[in-house]
Amino acid sequence: MDLTEQFEAQRPRLIRIAAGLLDDRAEGEDMVQQAWLRLHGTEAVIDNLPAWLTVVTTRLCLDRLRSKIPEPTESVQLTDTEIAPDPVEHVVMADTVGVALQIVLDRLSPAERVAFVLHDTFGVDFRTIATVLVVSPPAARKLASRARSKVSAAAPGGTPADWEVVDAFLAAARGGNFARLLHLLAPDVLVTADAEAVVAGTPQRLEGREEVAMMFDGAAKAALPVFVGDRPGAAWFHRGQPRVAFDFSITNGVVRKITFRAEQDVLVTLTRRAAAERR
C-alpha cells in the first residue's frame, strides 16, 4: 500500500477527530487536507503513520482553535492528588453530557477542548495528548478532568427532556459532528427497522455507539422533527410527505434505540413539531 492509499485509509478517522475538535466538519476537512500536504512534504522517517497523522492533524486544529479562542494565561498546576489516575478515566461520562456538550464546548480553552475530545470521545491516550499539547501526561489528564467538570456542570438541571436529546442528536447528525453524536448515544445503542423501512433503504440492524454514530455522521439533513405518537422523534420527508419515521427510545438523557418505521399506519399519525417544542 503506497503513502496515498495509507493516508486515504486514515482520512475518515482524521476528519471525525478534526470535526469534533473544531465543531465544524468543513474546517475539519481543511485541517486533514493540510495534514496530507505536510505528510507529502516531509522527509522524516515515520514509524507509525496513524499516530503521526493524529498528532499533526490535532496540532493543526489546536492552532486554529487558539486563533479563535485565546488560552488562559494561567498554567496547569497539579497537586500530588491530581496526578493520581482519574477514577473515571475509563468510565462513560454522565448521561447528560450529550446535551451539555452542545452548550459548553465553546467555553473550554483550546487545550481543554483537545484533551477532552481526544480522550473522552476518541479514547486517545494521555501520552499522545501530551505530545500534541507539549505538556506532561499528568497535565494532559488534568486538562481533560477540568473540561469534564465544566461539561458536567453545564448539564441542564439534571436529565434533559427527550425532545432536547432528539433535537441535539439531529443537529449533530446534520452538522457531521461525530463527537457530539457519540456523547448522545448509549454504549449499547441499537438501530432496527420494520420491513417497509428496509425496503426504503434503511439498515435492518446496527448495534453500538460508534457504528450508529458513523451511520448518522453528516446525515439526516432531510429529517424534520415530529411526534411519533406522543414521543418526540423525526421523519424523513420527500415532496412534503413522510417516508420514514425515526422512533427514538431515550433513557436518562441518551438515545438507547432508534427504530426506522415506514408502515403507513404509523406515517399517517405523525404530526410535525417545532424543533424546541416540549411535551
C-alpha atoms as a PDB file:
ATOM      1  CA  MET A   1       0.000   0.000   0.000  1.00  0.00           C
ATOM      2  CA  ASP A   2       1.552   3.312  -1.076  1.00  0.00           C
ATOM      3  CA  LEU A   3       1.520   6.504   1.010  1.00  0.00           C
ATOM      4  CA  THR A   4      -1.583   7.931  -0.659  1.00  0.00           C
ATOM      5  CA  GLU A   5      -3.559   4.750  -0.018  1.00  0.00           C
ATOM      6  CA  GLN A   6      -2.408   4.668   3.611  1.00  0.00           C
ATOM      7  CA  PHE A   7      -3.480   8.276   4.078  1.00  0.00           C
ATOM      8  CA  GLU A   8      -6.871   7.722   2.463  1.00  0.00           C
ATOM      9  CA  ALA A   9      -7.466   4.793   4.785  1.00  0.00           C
ATOM     10  CA  GLN A  10      -6.948   7.171   7.734  1.00  0.00           C
ATOM     11  CA  ARG A  11      -8.863  10.132   6.297  1.00  0.00           C
ATOM     12  CA  PRO A  12     -12.368   9.301   7.686  1.00  0.00           C
ATOM     13  CA  ARG A  13     -10.977   8.858  11.204  1.00  0.00           C
ATOM     14  CA  LEU A  14      -8.962  12.071  10.978  1.00  0.00           C
ATOM     15  CA  ILE A  15     -11.970  14.036   9.725  1.00  0.00           C
ATOM     16  CA  ARG A  16     -14.064  12.777  12.641  1.00  0.00           C
ATOM     17  CA  ILE A  17     -11.375  13.905  15.093  1.00  0.00           C
ATOM     18  CA  ALA A  18     -10.852  17.291  13.432  1.00  0.00           C
ATOM     19  CA  ALA A  19     -14.589  17.962  13.080  1.00  0.00           C
ATOM     20  CA  GLY A  20     -15.084  17.052  16.731  1.00  0.00           C
ATOM     21  CA  LEU A  21     -12.327  19.406  17.863  1.00  0.00           C
ATOM     22  CA  LEU A  22     -13.401  22.332  15.693  1.00  0.00           C
ATOM     23  CA  ASP A  23     -17.147  21.664  15.843  1.00  0.00           C
ATOM     24  CA  ASP A  24     -17.173  22.251  12.086  1.00  0.00           C
ATOM     25  CA  ARG A  25     -16.919  19.473   9.517  1.00  0.00           C
ATOM     26  CA  ALA A  26     -15.770  21.707   6.652  1.00  0.00           C
ATOM     27  CA  GLU A  27     -12.962  23.160   8.755  1.00  0.00           C
ATOM     28  CA  GLY A  28     -12.078  19.661   9.889  1.00  0.00           C
ATOM     29  CA  GLU A  29     -11.720  18.534   6.285  1.00  0.00           C
ATOM     30  CA  ASP A  30      -9.434  21.522   5.631  1.00  0.00           C
ATOM     31  CA  MET A  31      -7.196  20.523   8.542  1.00  0.00           C
ATOM     32  CA  VAL A  32      -6.948  16.945   7.278  1.00  0.00           C
ATOM     33  CA  GLN A  33      -6.015  18.207   3.823  1.00  0.00           C
ATOM     34  CA  GLN A  34      -3.279  20.337   5.401  1.00  0.00           C
ATOM     35  CA  ALA A  35      -2.046  17.241   7.235  1.00  0.00           C
ATOM     36  CA  TRP A  36      -1.810  15.474   3.870  1.00  0.00           C
ATOM     37  CA  LEU A  37       0.252  18.329   2.453  1.00  0.00           C
ATOM     38  CA  ARG A  38       2.614  18.116   5.420  1.00  0.00           C
ATOM     39  CA  LEU A  39       2.908  14.364   5.006  1.00  0.00           C
ATOM     40  CA  HIS A  40       3.593  14.779   1.303  1.00  0.00           C
ATOM     41  CA  GLY A  41       6.324  17.317   2.020  1.00  0.00           C
ATOM     42  CA  THR A  42       8.089  15.675   4.953  1.00  0.00           C
ATOM     43  CA  GLU A  43      11.377  13.840   4.654  1.00  0.00           C
ATOM     44  CA  ALA A  44      11.137  12.387   8.145  1.00  0.00           C
ATOM     45  CA  VAL A  45      11.044   8.640   8.689  1.00  0.00           C
ATOM     46  CA  ILE A  46       7.576   7.824  10.072  1.00  0.00           C
ATOM     47  CA  ASP A  47       7.370   4.623  12.084  1.00  0.00           C
ATOM     48  CA  ASN A  48       3.668   4.875  12.948  1.00  0.00           C
ATOM     49  CA  LEU A  49       1.698   6.719  10.300  1.00  0.00           C
ATOM     50  CA  PRO A  50      -1.719   6.725  12.072  1.00  0.00           C
ATOM     51  CA  ALA A  51      -0.140   8.185  15.224  1.00  0.00           C
ATOM     52  CA  TRP A  52       1.850  10.756  13.212  1.00  0.00           C
ATOM     53  CA  LEU A  53      -1.272  11.856  11.348  1.00  0.00           C
ATOM     54  CA  THR A  54      -3.272  12.071  14.580  1.00  0.00           C
ATOM     55  CA  VAL A  55      -0.670  14.347  16.182  1.00  0.00           C
ATOM     56  CA  VAL A  56      -0.244  16.566  13.109  1.00  0.00           C
ATOM     57  CA  THR A  57      -3.980  16.916  12.460  1.00  0.00           C
ATOM     58  CA  THR A  58      -4.680  17.674  16.098  1.00  0.00           C
ATOM     59  CA  ARG A  59      -1.926  20.291  16.295  1.00  0.00           C
ATOM     60  CA  LEU A  60      -3.342  21.990  13.220  1.00  0.00           C
ATOM     61  CA  CYS A  61      -6.759  22.036  14.900  1.00  0.00           C
ATOM     62  CA  LEU A  62      -5.205  23.366  18.110  1.00  0.00           C
ATOM     63  CA  ASP A  63      -3.581  26.224  16.190  1.00  0.00           C
ATOM     64  CA  ARG A  64      -6.932  27.024  14.577  1.00  0.00           C
ATOM     65  CA  LEU A  65      -8.691  26.986  17.960  1.00  0.00           C
ATOM     66  CA  ARG A  66      -6.036  29.218  19.529  1.00  0.00           C
ATOM     67  CA  SER A  67      -6.505  31.741  16.729  1.00  0.00           C
ATOM     68  CA  LYS A  68     -10.172  31.964  17.740  1.00  0.00           C
ATOM     69  CA  ILE A  69     -10.116  31.323  21.492  1.00  0.00           C
ATOM     70  CA  PRO A  70      -7.078  32.569  23.429  1.00  0.00           C
ATOM     71  CA  GLU A  71      -5.619  30.203  26.000  1.00  0.00           C
ATOM     72  CA  PRO A  72      -5.951  31.356  29.623  1.00  0.00           C
ATOM     73  CA  THR A  73      -2.737  32.830  30.946  1.00  0.00           C
ATOM     74  CA  GLU A  74      -2.508  30.552  33.980  1.00  0.00           C
ATOM     75  CA  SER A  75      -0.622  27.299  33.596  1.00  0.00           C
ATOM     76  CA  VAL A  76      -1.988  23.935  34.648  1.00  0.00           C
ATOM     77  CA  GLN A  77      -0.984  23.452  38.275  1.00  0.00           C
ATOM     78  CA  LEU A  78      -1.022  19.928  39.648  1.00  0.00           C
ATOM     79  CA  THR A  79      -1.074  18.654  43.185  1.00  0.00           C
ATOM     80  CA  ASP A  80       0.016  15.150  44.134  1.00  0.00           C
ATOM     81  CA  THR A  81      -3.607  14.015  44.366  1.00  0.00           C
ATOM     82  CA  GLU A  82      -4.430  15.412  40.945  1.00  0.00           C
ATOM     83  CA  ILE A  83      -1.525  13.499  39.390  1.00  0.00           C
ATOM     84  CA  ALA A  84      -3.067  10.238  40.560  1.00  0.00           C
ATOM     85  CA  PRO A  85      -5.107   8.315  37.947  1.00  0.00           C
ATOM     86  CA  ASP A  86      -8.571   9.696  37.392  1.00  0.00           C
ATOM     87  CA  PRO A  87     -11.053   7.084  38.715  1.00  0.00           C
ATOM     88  CA  VAL A  88     -13.488   7.805  35.866  1.00  0.00           C
ATOM     89  CA  GLU A  89     -10.868   7.681  33.126  1.00  0.00           C
ATOM     90  CA  HIS A  90     -12.318   4.518  31.587  1.00  0.00           C
ATOM     91  CA  VAL A  91     -15.931   5.118  32.553  1.00  0.00           C
ATOM     92  CA  VAL A  92     -18.559   6.610  30.246  1.00  0.00           C
ATOM     93  CA  MET A  93     -19.407  10.165  31.280  1.00  0.00           C
ATOM     94  CA  ALA A  94     -22.686  11.188  32.899  1.00  0.00           C
ATOM     95  CA  ASP A  95     -25.723  10.597  30.695  1.00  0.00           C
ATOM     96  CA  THR A  96     -26.445  14.333  30.486  1.00  0.00           C
ATOM     97  CA  VAL A  97     -23.141  15.092  28.781  1.00  0.00           C
ATOM     98  CA  GLY A  98     -24.592  14.890  25.258  1.00  0.00           C
ATOM     99  CA  VAL A  99     -26.828  17.926  25.591  1.00  0.00           C
ATOM    100  CA  ALA A 100     -24.389  19.660  27.947  1.00  0.00           C
ATOM    101  CA  LEU A 101     -21.652  19.348  25.317  1.00  0.00           C
ATOM    102  CA  GLN A 102     -23.798  21.386  22.923  1.00  0.00           C
ATOM    103  CA  ILE A 103     -23.818  24.180  25.487  1.00  0.00           C
ATOM    104  CA  VAL A 104     -20.294  24.275  26.835  1.00  0.00           C
ATOM    105  CA  LEU A 105     -17.863  23.306  24.071  1.00  0.00           C
ATOM    106  CA  ASP A 106     -17.017  26.906  23.192  1.00  0.00           C
ATOM    107  CA  ARG A 107     -16.357  27.710  26.861  1.00  0.00           C
ATOM    108  CA  LEU A 108     -13.429  25.310  27.053  1.00  0.00           C
ATOM    109  CA  SER A 109      -9.928  26.582  26.434  1.00  0.00           C
ATOM    110  CA  PRO A 110      -8.296  25.139  23.294  1.00  0.00           C
ATOM    111  CA  ALA A 111      -6.088  22.822  25.384  1.00  0.00           C
ATOM    112  CA  GLU A 112      -9.042  21.644  27.500  1.00  0.00           C
ATOM    113  CA  ARG A 113     -11.088  21.030  24.382  1.00  0.00           C
ATOM    114  CA  VAL A 114      -8.339  18.985  22.735  1.00  0.00           C
ATOM    115  CA  ALA A 115      -7.676  16.901  25.862  1.00  0.00           C
ATOM    116  CA  PHE A 116     -11.367  16.273  26.498  1.00  0.00           C
ATOM    117  CA  VAL A 117     -12.453  15.445  22.946  1.00  0.00           C
ATOM    118  CA  LEU A 118      -9.430  13.275  22.157  1.00  0.00           C
ATOM    119  CA  HIS A 119      -9.655  11.276  25.373  1.00  0.00           C
ATOM    120  CA  ASP A 120     -13.337  11.122  26.275  1.00  0.00           C
ATOM    121  CA  THR A 121     -14.651  10.826  22.726  1.00  0.00           C
ATOM    122  CA  PHE A 122     -11.948   9.018  20.769  1.00  0.00           C
ATOM    123  CA  GLY A 123     -10.093   7.192  23.539  1.00  0.00           C
ATOM    124  CA  VAL A 124      -6.695   8.685  22.707  1.00  0.00           C
ATOM    125  CA  ASP A 125      -4.193   8.001  25.494  1.00  0.00           C
ATOM    126  CA  PHE A 126      -2.825  10.849  27.588  1.00  0.00           C
ATOM    127  CA  ARG A 127       0.744  10.248  26.423  1.00  0.00           C
ATOM    128  CA  THR A 128      -0.284  11.076  22.846  1.00  0.00           C
ATOM    129  CA  ILE A 129      -2.410  14.029  24.013  1.00  0.00           C
ATOM    130  CA  ALA A 130       0.587  15.313  25.983  1.00  0.00           C
ATOM    131  CA  THR A 131       2.685  15.152  22.802  1.00  0.00           C
ATOM    132  CA  VAL A 132       0.098  17.225  20.952  1.00  0.00           C
ATOM    133  CA  LEU A 133      -0.173  19.842  23.699  1.00  0.00           C
ATOM    134  CA  VAL A 134       3.547  19.798  24.617  1.00  0.00           C
ATOM    135  CA  VAL A 135       2.764  19.149  28.285  1.00  0.00           C
ATOM    136  CA  SER A 136       3.324  16.214  30.625  1.00  0.00           C
ATOM    137  CA  PRO A 137       0.831  13.312  30.633  1.00  0.00           C
ATOM    138  CA  PRO A 138      -0.402  14.283  34.134  1.00  0.00           C
ATOM    139  CA  ALA A 139      -1.034  17.825  32.878  1.00  0.00           C
ATOM    140  CA  ALA A 140      -2.946  16.435  29.899  1.00  0.00           C
ATOM    141  CA  ARG A 141      -5.014  14.328  32.296  1.00  0.00           C
ATOM    142  CA  LYS A 142      -5.737  17.408  34.408  1.00  0.00           C
ATOM    143  CA  LEU A 143      -6.879  19.394  31.374  1.00  0.00           C
ATOM    144  CA  ALA A 144      -9.323  16.630  30.419  1.00  0.00           C
ATOM    145  CA  SER A 145     -10.585  16.433  34.002  1.00  0.00           C
ATOM    146  CA  ARG A 146     -11.096  20.196  34.134  1.00  0.00           C
ATOM    147  CA  ALA A 147     -13.026  20.119  30.856  1.00  0.00           C
ATOM    148  CA  ARG A 148     -15.099  17.170  32.054  1.00  0.00           C
ATOM    149  CA  SER A 149     -16.098  19.117  35.156  1.00  0.00           C
ATOM    150  CA  LYS A 150     -17.176  22.117  33.067  1.00  0.00           C
ATOM    151  CA  VAL A 151     -19.265  19.923  30.775  1.00  0.00           C
ATOM    152  CA  SER A 152     -20.904  18.116  33.685  1.00  0.00           C
ATOM    153  CA  ALA A 153     -21.653  21.439  35.384  1.00  0.00           C
ATOM    154  CA  ALA A 154     -23.463  22.608  32.245  1.00  0.00           C
ATOM    155  CA  ALA A 155     -25.918  19.717  32.325  1.00  0.00           C
ATOM    156  CA  PRO A 156     -29.359  21.390  32.094  1.00  0.00           C
ATOM    157  CA  GLY A 157     -30.861  20.872  35.519  1.00  0.00           C
ATOM    158  CA  GLY A 158     -30.283  17.146  35.611  1.00  0.00           C
ATOM    159  CA  THR A 159     -31.559  14.812  32.911  1.00  0.00           C
ATOM    160  CA  PRO A 160     -32.606  16.705  29.767  1.00  0.00           C
ATOM    161  CA  ALA A 161     -36.056  16.299  28.263  1.00  0.00           C
ATOM    162  CA  ASP A 162     -36.448  13.741  25.493  1.00  0.00           C
ATOM    163  CA  TRP A 163     -37.123  16.447  22.892  1.00  0.00           C
ATOM    164  CA  GLU A 164     -33.842  18.142  23.829  1.00  0.00           C
ATOM    165  CA  VAL A 165     -31.944  14.912  23.221  1.00  0.00           C
ATOM    166  CA  VAL A 166     -33.671  14.256  19.888  1.00  0.00           C
ATOM    167  CA  ASP A 167     -33.079  17.781  18.622  1.00  0.00           C
ATOM    168  CA  ALA A 168     -29.450  17.782  19.795  1.00  0.00           C
ATOM    169  CA  PHE A 169     -28.969  14.451  18.020  1.00  0.00           C
ATOM    170  CA  LEU A 170     -30.461  15.728  14.757  1.00  0.00           C
ATOM    171  CA  ALA A 171     -28.324  18.889  14.912  1.00  0.00           C
ATOM    172  CA  ALA A 172     -25.162  16.848  15.486  1.00  0.00           C
ATOM    173  CA  ALA A 173     -26.062  14.468  12.650  1.00  0.00           C
ATOM    174  CA  ARG A 174     -26.716  17.273  10.153  1.00  0.00           C
ATOM    175  CA  GLY A 175     -23.545  19.074  11.169  1.00  0.00           C
ATOM    176  CA  GLY A 176     -21.402  15.971  10.859  1.00  0.00           C
ATOM    177  CA  ASN A 177     -20.274  16.277  14.470  1.00  0.00           C
ATOM    178  CA  PHE A 178     -19.172  12.783  15.339  1.00  0.00           C
ATOM    179  CA  ALA A 179     -18.033  13.737  18.843  1.00  0.00           C
ATOM    180  CA  ARG A 180     -21.434  15.103  19.837  1.00  0.00           C
ATOM    181  CA  LEU A 181     -23.213  12.123  18.315  1.00  0.00           C
ATOM    182  CA  LEU A 182     -21.130   9.720  20.382  1.00  0.00           C
ATOM    183  CA  HIS A 183     -21.975  11.531  23.602  1.00  0.00           C
ATOM    184  CA  LEU A 184     -25.697  11.433  22.809  1.00  0.00           C
ATOM    185  CA  LEU A 185     -25.745   7.658  22.297  1.00  0.00           C
ATOM    186  CA  ALA A 186     -25.775   4.886  24.875  1.00  0.00           C
ATOM    187  CA  PRO A 187     -22.822   2.479  24.538  1.00  0.00           C
ATOM    188  CA  ASP A 188     -25.174  -0.367  23.552  1.00  0.00           C
ATOM    189  CA  VAL A 189     -27.476   1.742  21.368  1.00  0.00           C
ATOM    190  CA  LEU A 190     -29.481  -0.304  18.865  1.00  0.00           C
ATOM    191  CA  VAL A 191     -30.926   0.652  15.472  1.00  0.00           C
ATOM    192  CA  THR A 192     -33.639  -1.539  13.977  1.00  0.00           C
ATOM    193  CA  ALA A 193     -36.168  -1.160  11.173  1.00  0.00           C
ATOM    194  CA  ASP A 194     -39.508  -2.562  10.080  1.00  0.00           C
ATOM    195  CA  ALA A 195     -39.770  -4.351   6.739  1.00  0.00           C
ATOM    196  CA  GLU A 196     -41.121  -1.289   4.906  1.00  0.00           C
ATOM    197  CA  ALA A 197     -38.245   0.884   6.122  1.00  0.00           C
ATOM    198  CA  VAL A 198     -35.683  -1.694   4.997  1.00  0.00           C
ATOM    199  CA  VAL A 199     -37.250  -1.647   1.530  1.00  0.00           C
ATOM    200  CA  ALA A 200     -36.949   2.157   1.602  1.00  0.00           C
ATOM    201  CA  GLY A 201     -33.193   1.800   2.151  1.00  0.00           C
ATOM    202  CA  THR A 202     -32.586   1.886   5.911  1.00  0.00           C
ATOM    203  CA  PRO A 203     -30.277  -0.644   7.569  1.00  0.00           C
ATOM    204  CA  GLN A 204     -32.062  -3.569   9.187  1.00  0.00           C
ATOM    205  CA  ARG A 205     -29.912  -3.551  12.320  1.00  0.00           C
ATOM    206  CA  LEU A 206     -26.930  -1.688  13.758  1.00  0.00           C
ATOM    207  CA  GLU A 207     -25.571  -2.003  17.272  1.00  0.00           C
ATOM    208  CA  GLY A 208     -23.046   0.022  19.263  1.00  0.00           C
ATOM    209  CA  ARG A 209     -22.264   3.697  19.691  1.00  0.00           C
ATOM    210  CA  GLU A 210     -19.569   4.007  17.015  1.00  0.00           C
ATOM    211  CA  GLU A 211     -21.481   2.093  14.326  1.00  0.00           C
ATOM    212  CA  VAL A 212     -24.607   4.182  14.845  1.00  0.00           C
ATOM    213  CA  ALA A 213     -22.690   7.464  15.032  1.00  0.00           C
ATOM    214  CA  MET A 214     -20.872   6.658  11.779  1.00  0.00           C
ATOM    215  CA  MET A 215     -24.194   5.982  10.067  1.00  0.00           C
ATOM    216  CA  PHE A 216     -25.691   9.323  11.127  1.00  0.00           C
ATOM    217  CA  ASP A 217     -22.483  11.369  10.782  1.00  0.00           C
ATOM    218  CA  GLY A 218     -23.343  14.091   8.247  1.00  0.00           C
ATOM    219  CA  ALA A 219     -26.753  12.520   7.560  1.00  0.00           C
ATOM    220  CA  ALA A 220     -30.398  13.246   8.462  1.00  0.00           C
ATOM    221  CA  LYS A 221     -30.372  16.524   6.513  1.00  0.00           C
ATOM    222  CA  ALA A 222     -33.901  15.876   5.248  1.00  0.00           C
ATOM    223  CA  ALA A 223     -35.224  14.740   8.631  1.00  0.00           C
ATOM    224  CA  LEU A 224     -37.725  17.008  10.355  1.00  0.00           C
ATOM    225  CA  PRO A 225     -38.898  16.941  13.985  1.00  0.00           C
ATOM    226  CA  VAL A 226     -42.201  15.141  14.524  1.00  0.00           C
ATOM    227  CA  PHE A 227     -44.200  13.387  17.179  1.00  0.00           C
ATOM    228  CA  VAL A 228     -44.362   9.609  16.798  1.00  0.00           C
ATOM    229  CA  GLY A 229     -47.443   9.021  18.898  1.00  0.00           C
ATOM    230  CA  ASP A 230     -46.716  11.138  21.954  1.00  0.00           C
ATOM    231  CA  ARG A 231     -42.918  10.765  21.667  1.00  0.00           C
ATOM    232  CA  PRO A 232     -40.617  13.378  20.125  1.00  0.00           C
ATOM    233  CA  GLY A 233     -38.939  11.904  17.084  1.00  0.00           C
ATOM    234  CA  ALA A 234     -38.076  12.738  13.492  1.00  0.00           C
ATOM    235  CA  ALA A 235     -39.068  11.712   9.989  1.00  0.00           C
ATOM    236  CA  TRP A 236     -37.587  11.807   6.530  1.00  0.00           C
ATOM    237  CA  PHE A 237     -39.886  13.719   4.195  1.00  0.00           C
ATOM    238  CA  HIS A 238     -39.995  13.583   0.396  1.00  0.00           C
ATOM    239  CA  ARG A 239     -42.076  16.142  -1.510  1.00  0.00           C
ATOM    240  CA  GLY A 240     -43.847  17.078   1.668  1.00  0.00           C
ATOM    241  CA  GLN A 241     -44.817  13.541   2.618  1.00  0.00           C
ATOM    242  CA  PRO A 242     -43.267  11.484   5.439  1.00  0.00           C
ATOM    243  CA  ARG A 243     -41.476   8.413   4.143  1.00  0.00           C
ATOM    244  CA  VAL A 244     -39.632   7.009   7.167  1.00  0.00           C
ATOM    245  CA  ALA A 245     -40.112   7.836  10.851  1.00  0.00           C
ATOM    246  CA  PHE A 246     -37.209   7.802  13.323  1.00  0.00           C
ATOM    247  CA  ASP A 247     -38.753   6.456  16.534  1.00  0.00           C
ATOM    248  CA  PHE A 248     -36.398   7.261  19.441  1.00  0.00           C
ATOM    249  CA  SER A 249     -36.190   5.466  22.763  1.00  0.00           C
ATOM    250  CA  ILE A 250     -34.414   7.677  25.299  1.00  0.00           C
ATOM    251  CA  THR A 251     -33.395   6.819  28.847  1.00  0.00           C
ATOM    252  CA  ASN A 252     -31.613   9.136  31.287  1.00  0.00           C
ATOM    253  CA  GLY A 253     -30.757  11.640  28.596  1.00  0.00           C
ATOM    254  CA  VAL A 254     -29.200   9.370  25.968  1.00  0.00           C
ATOM    255  CA  VAL A 255     -30.535   7.540  22.918  1.00  0.00           C
ATOM    256  CA  ARG A 256     -30.937   3.848  23.681  1.00  0.00           C
ATOM    257  CA  LYS A 257     -32.708   2.770  20.490  1.00  0.00           C
ATOM    258  CA  ILE A 258     -33.823   4.154  17.145  1.00  0.00           C
ATOM    259  CA  THR A 259     -36.422   2.269  15.136  1.00  0.00           C
ATOM    260  CA  PHE A 260     -36.944   3.202  11.495  1.00  0.00           C
ATOM    261  CA  ARG A 261     -40.666   2.849  10.787  1.00  0.00           C
ATOM    262  CA  ALA A 262     -42.364   3.144   7.416  1.00  0.00           C
ATOM    263  CA  GLU A 263     -45.660   1.381   7.936  1.00  0.00           C
ATOM    264  CA  GLN A 264     -48.447   3.519   6.547  1.00  0.00           C
ATOM    265  CA  ASP A 265     -50.492   3.276   9.744  1.00  0.00           C
ATOM    266  CA  VAL A 266     -47.536   4.907  11.557  1.00  0.00           C
ATOM    267  CA  LEU A 267     -46.766   7.541   8.938  1.00  0.00           C
ATOM    268  CA  VAL A 268     -50.339   8.827   8.762  1.00  0.00           C
ATOM    269  CA  THR A 269     -50.332   9.537  12.501  1.00  0.00           C
ATOM    270  CA  LEU A 270     -47.142  11.650  12.509  1.00  0.00           C
ATOM    271  CA  THR A 271     -47.509  15.294  13.468  1.00  0.00           C
ATOM    272  CA  ARG A 272     -44.938  17.985  12.849  1.00  0.00           C
ATOM    273  CA  ARG A 273     -43.455  19.783  15.823  1.00  0.00           C
ATOM    274  CA  ALA A 274     -41.273  22.828  16.283  1.00  0.00           C
ATOM    275  CA  ALA A 275     -37.627  21.940  16.857  1.00  0.00           C
ATOM    276  CA  ALA A 276     -37.799  23.029  20.504  1.00  0.00           C
ATOM    277  CA  GLU A 277     -41.398  22.012  21.227  1.00  0.00           C
ATOM    278  CA  ARG A 278     -41.850  20.283  24.563  1.00  0.00           C
ATOM    279  CA  ARG A 279     -44.303  17.595  25.518  1.00  0.00           C
END
